[in-house]
Amino acid sequence: MTGADTPPRWDGHRLLFMLALDDGEVVRCAISRLALLGISGGGAFRTPDLMARFAEARPRIEAAAYAKLRDRSTPPLGILHIWEDDIVDPSPDASPRAMEATVRGG
């Protein structure tokens, strides 16, 4: 498996997933446990629950990731972080942190 075919992975702090672009490139993305719980109504913190919530919310999460990528002039050098505000309130006034990508590995 490569790219977007790779299943999401929980690293203990965030859920990591791959996003395929139209040009065949793949972008590494992440959403935190709190952001995932925030967009899916709260609840348990167990890994199986988080994976199920991610699967259910994945179309919304990916739509937010694609929107962030469209607003960038270059792809992220590291991981593109998806914040709760990117999904719940995707306004231009969202936190500047929402447009940052970390260069730390995942």
C-alpha atoms as a PDB file:
ATOM      1  CA  MET A   1       0.000   0.000   0.000  1.00  0.00           C
ATOM      2  CA  THR A   2       1.180   3.491  -0.752  1.00  0.00           C
ATOM      3  CA  GLY A   3      -0.121   7.003  -0.466  1.00  0.00           C
ATOM      4  CA  ALA A   4      -3.817   7.434   0.193  1.00  0.00           C
ATOM      5  CA  ASP A   5      -4.273   3.647   0.233  1.00  0.00           C
ATOM      6  CA  THR A   6      -2.395   3.543   3.531  1.00  0.00           C
ATOM      7  CA  PRO A   7      -4.853   3.183   6.417  1.00  0.00           C
ATOM      8  CA  PRO A   8      -4.983   5.937   9.065  1.00  0.00           C
ATOM      9  CA  ARG A   9      -2.707   5.426  12.052  1.00  0.00           C
ATOM     10  CA  TRP A  10      -3.128   6.563  15.651  1.00  0.00           C
ATOM     11  CA  ASP A  11       0.202   7.646  17.189  1.00  0.00           C
ATOM     12  CA  GLY A  12      -1.117   8.249  20.716  1.00  0.00           C
ATOM     13  CA  HIS A  13      -1.687  11.977  20.184  1.00  0.00           C
ATOM     14  CA  ARG A  14      -3.159  12.382  16.735  1.00  0.00           C
ATOM     15  CA  LEU A  15      -4.540  10.399  13.865  1.00  0.00           C
ATOM     16  CA  LEU A  16      -2.274  10.416  10.815  1.00  0.00           C
ATOM     17  CA  PHE A  17      -3.612   9.867   7.307  1.00  0.00           C
ATOM     18  CA  MET A  18      -2.576  10.364   3.693  1.00  0.00           C
ATOM     19  CA  LEU A  19      -4.364  12.564   1.196  1.00  0.00           C
ATOM     20  CA  ALA A  20      -3.967  11.985  -2.545  1.00  0.00           C
ATOM     21  CA  LEU A  21      -3.810  15.042  -4.799  1.00  0.00           C
ATOM     22  CA  ASP A  22      -4.933  15.237  -8.419  1.00  0.00           C
ATOM     23  CA  ASP A  23      -1.325  15.335  -9.635  1.00  0.00           C
ATOM     24  CA  GLY A  24      -0.549  12.021  -7.934  1.00  0.00           C
ATOM     25  CA  GLU A  25       1.314  13.577  -5.017  1.00  0.00           C
ATOM     26  CA  VAL A  26       0.452  12.455  -1.509  1.00  0.00           C
ATOM     27  CA  VAL A  27       0.295  14.789   1.506  1.00  0.00           C
ATOM     28  CA  ARG A  28       0.700  13.574   5.069  1.00  0.00           C
ATOM     29  CA  CYS A  29      -2.080  14.940   7.279  1.00  0.00           C
ATOM     30  CA  ALA A  30      -3.042  14.755  10.951  1.00  0.00           C
ATOM     31  CA  ILE A  31      -6.006  15.539  13.142  1.00  0.00           C
ATOM     32  CA  SER A  32      -5.750  15.614  16.930  1.00  0.00           C
ATOM     33  CA  ARG A  33      -7.874  13.517  19.242  1.00  0.00           C
ATOM     34  CA  LEU A  34      -9.561  16.639  20.634  1.00  0.00           C
ATOM     35  CA  ALA A  35     -10.342  18.001  17.164  1.00  0.00           C
ATOM     36  CA  LEU A  36     -11.748  14.636  16.109  1.00  0.00           C
ATOM     37  CA  LEU A  37     -13.899  14.433  19.221  1.00  0.00           C
ATOM     38  CA  GLY A  38     -14.968  18.047  18.779  1.00  0.00           C
ATOM     39  CA  ILE A  39     -16.307  17.529  15.273  1.00  0.00           C
ATOM     40  CA  SER A  40     -17.958  14.226  16.125  1.00  0.00           C
ATOM     41  CA  GLY A  41     -19.739  15.198  19.339  1.00  0.00           C
ATOM     42  CA  GLY A  42     -17.287  14.169  22.070  1.00  0.00           C
ATOM     43  CA  GLY A  43     -17.235  10.820  23.775  1.00  0.00           C
ATOM     44  CA  ALA A  44     -14.691   8.119  24.505  1.00  0.00           C
ATOM     45  CA  PHE A  45     -10.943   8.427  23.958  1.00  0.00           C
ATOM     46  CA  ARG A  46     -10.279   4.760  23.149  1.00  0.00           C
ATOM     47  CA  THR A  47      -8.407   4.121  19.912  1.00  0.00           C
ATOM     48  CA  PRO A  48     -11.129   1.957  18.299  1.00  0.00           C
ATOM     49  CA  ASP A  49     -13.694   4.704  18.971  1.00  0.00           C
ATOM     50  CA  LEU A  50     -11.424   7.347  17.455  1.00  0.00           C
ATOM     51  CA  MET A  51     -10.816   5.243  14.351  1.00  0.00           C
ATOM     52  CA  ALA A  52     -14.571   4.753  13.885  1.00  0.00           C
ATOM     53  CA  ARG A  53     -15.201   8.472  14.365  1.00  0.00           C
ATOM     54  CA  PHE A  54     -12.491   9.277  11.838  1.00  0.00           C
ATOM     55  CA  ALA A  55     -13.986   6.876   9.288  1.00  0.00           C
ATOM     56  CA  GLU A  56     -17.390   8.518   9.730  1.00  0.00           C
ATOM     57  CA  ALA A  57     -16.044  12.079   9.519  1.00  0.00           C
ATOM     58  CA  ARG A  58     -13.352  11.398   6.889  1.00  0.00           C
ATOM     59  CA  PRO A  59     -15.188  13.106   3.983  1.00  0.00           C
ATOM     60  CA  ARG A  60     -15.492  16.325   6.034  1.00  0.00           C
ATOM     61  CA  ILE A  61     -11.901  16.071   7.266  1.00  0.00           C
ATOM     62  CA  GLU A  62     -10.549  15.490   3.768  1.00  0.00           C
ATOM     63  CA  ALA A  63     -12.658  18.352   2.378  1.00  0.00           C
ATOM     64  CA  ALA A  64     -11.087  20.661   4.987  1.00  0.00           C
ATOM     65  CA  ALA A  65      -7.603  19.393   4.078  1.00  0.00           C
ATOM     66  CA  TYR A  66      -8.190  19.975   0.355  1.00  0.00           C
ATOM     67  CA  ALA A  67      -9.478  23.496   1.123  1.00  0.00           C
ATOM     68  CA  LYS A  68      -6.346  24.271   3.151  1.00  0.00           C
ATOM     69  CA  LEU A  69      -4.146  22.963   0.369  1.00  0.00           C
ATOM     70  CA  ARG A  70      -5.935  25.100  -2.233  1.00  0.00           C
ATOM     71  CA  ASP A  71      -5.131  28.191  -0.143  1.00  0.00           C
ATOM     72  CA  ARG A  72      -1.412  27.376   0.009  1.00  0.00           C
ATOM     73  CA  SER A  73       1.146  28.388  -2.585  1.00  0.00           C
ATOM     74  CA  THR A  74       3.226  25.254  -1.947  1.00  0.00           C
ATOM     75  CA  PRO A  75       2.518  21.856  -0.418  1.00  0.00           C
ATOM     76  CA  PRO A  76       3.477  21.445   3.237  1.00  0.00           C
ATOM     77  CA  LEU A  77       7.012  20.301   3.984  1.00  0.00           C
ATOM     78  CA  GLY A  78       5.806  18.064   6.770  1.00  0.00           C
ATOM     79  CA  ILE A  79       2.396  17.206   8.120  1.00  0.00           C
ATOM     80  CA  LEU A  80      -0.674  19.262   7.276  1.00  0.00           C
ATOM     81  CA  HIS A  81      -2.605  19.649  10.524  1.00  0.00           C
ATOM     82  CA  ILE A  82      -6.379  19.762  10.438  1.00  0.00           C
ATOM     83  CA  TRP A  83      -7.868  21.700  13.335  1.00  0.00           C
ATOM     84  CA  GLU A  84     -11.445  21.642  14.600  1.00  0.00           C
ATOM     85  CA  ASP A  85     -11.989  25.188  13.271  1.00  0.00           C
ATOM     86  CA  ASP A  86     -10.992  24.037   9.781  1.00  0.00           C
ATOM     87  CA  ILE A  87     -14.110  21.861   9.754  1.00  0.00           C
ATOM     88  CA  VAL A  88     -16.579  23.595  12.065  1.00  0.00           C
ATOM     89  CA  ASP A  89     -15.770  27.202  11.112  1.00  0.00           C
ATOM     90  CA  PRO A  90     -13.660  27.223   7.941  1.00  0.00           C
ATOM     91  CA  SER A  91     -13.661  31.021   7.769  1.00  0.00           C
ATOM     92  CA  PRO A  92     -10.630  33.081   6.748  1.00  0.00           C
ATOM     93  CA  ASP A  93     -10.566  34.359  10.340  1.00  0.00           C
ATOM     94  CA  ALA A  94      -9.676  30.896  11.670  1.00  0.00           C
ATOM     95  CA  SER A  95      -6.557  30.608  13.805  1.00  0.00           C
ATOM     96  CA  PRO A  96      -3.293  31.250  11.919  1.00  0.00           C
ATOM     97  CA  ARG A  97      -2.053  27.938  13.352  1.00  0.00           C
ATOM     98  CA  ALA A  98      -4.509  26.212  11.069  1.00  0.00           C
ATOM     99  CA  MET A  99      -2.371  27.093   8.058  1.00  0.00           C
ATOM    100  CA  GLU A 100       0.868  25.823   9.535  1.00  0.00           C
ATOM    101  CA  ALA A 101       2.473  22.485   8.765  1.00  0.00           C
ATOM    102  CA  THR A 102       4.988  20.990  11.109  1.00  0.00           C
ATOM    103  CA  VAL A 103       8.282  19.641   9.875  1.00  0.00           C
ATOM    104  CA  ARG A 104       8.362  17.013  12.602  1.00  0.00           C
ATOM    105  CA  GLY A 105       7.958  13.456  11.428  1.00  0.00           C
ATOM    106  CA  GLY A 106       4.866  11.453  12.128  1.00  0.00           C
END
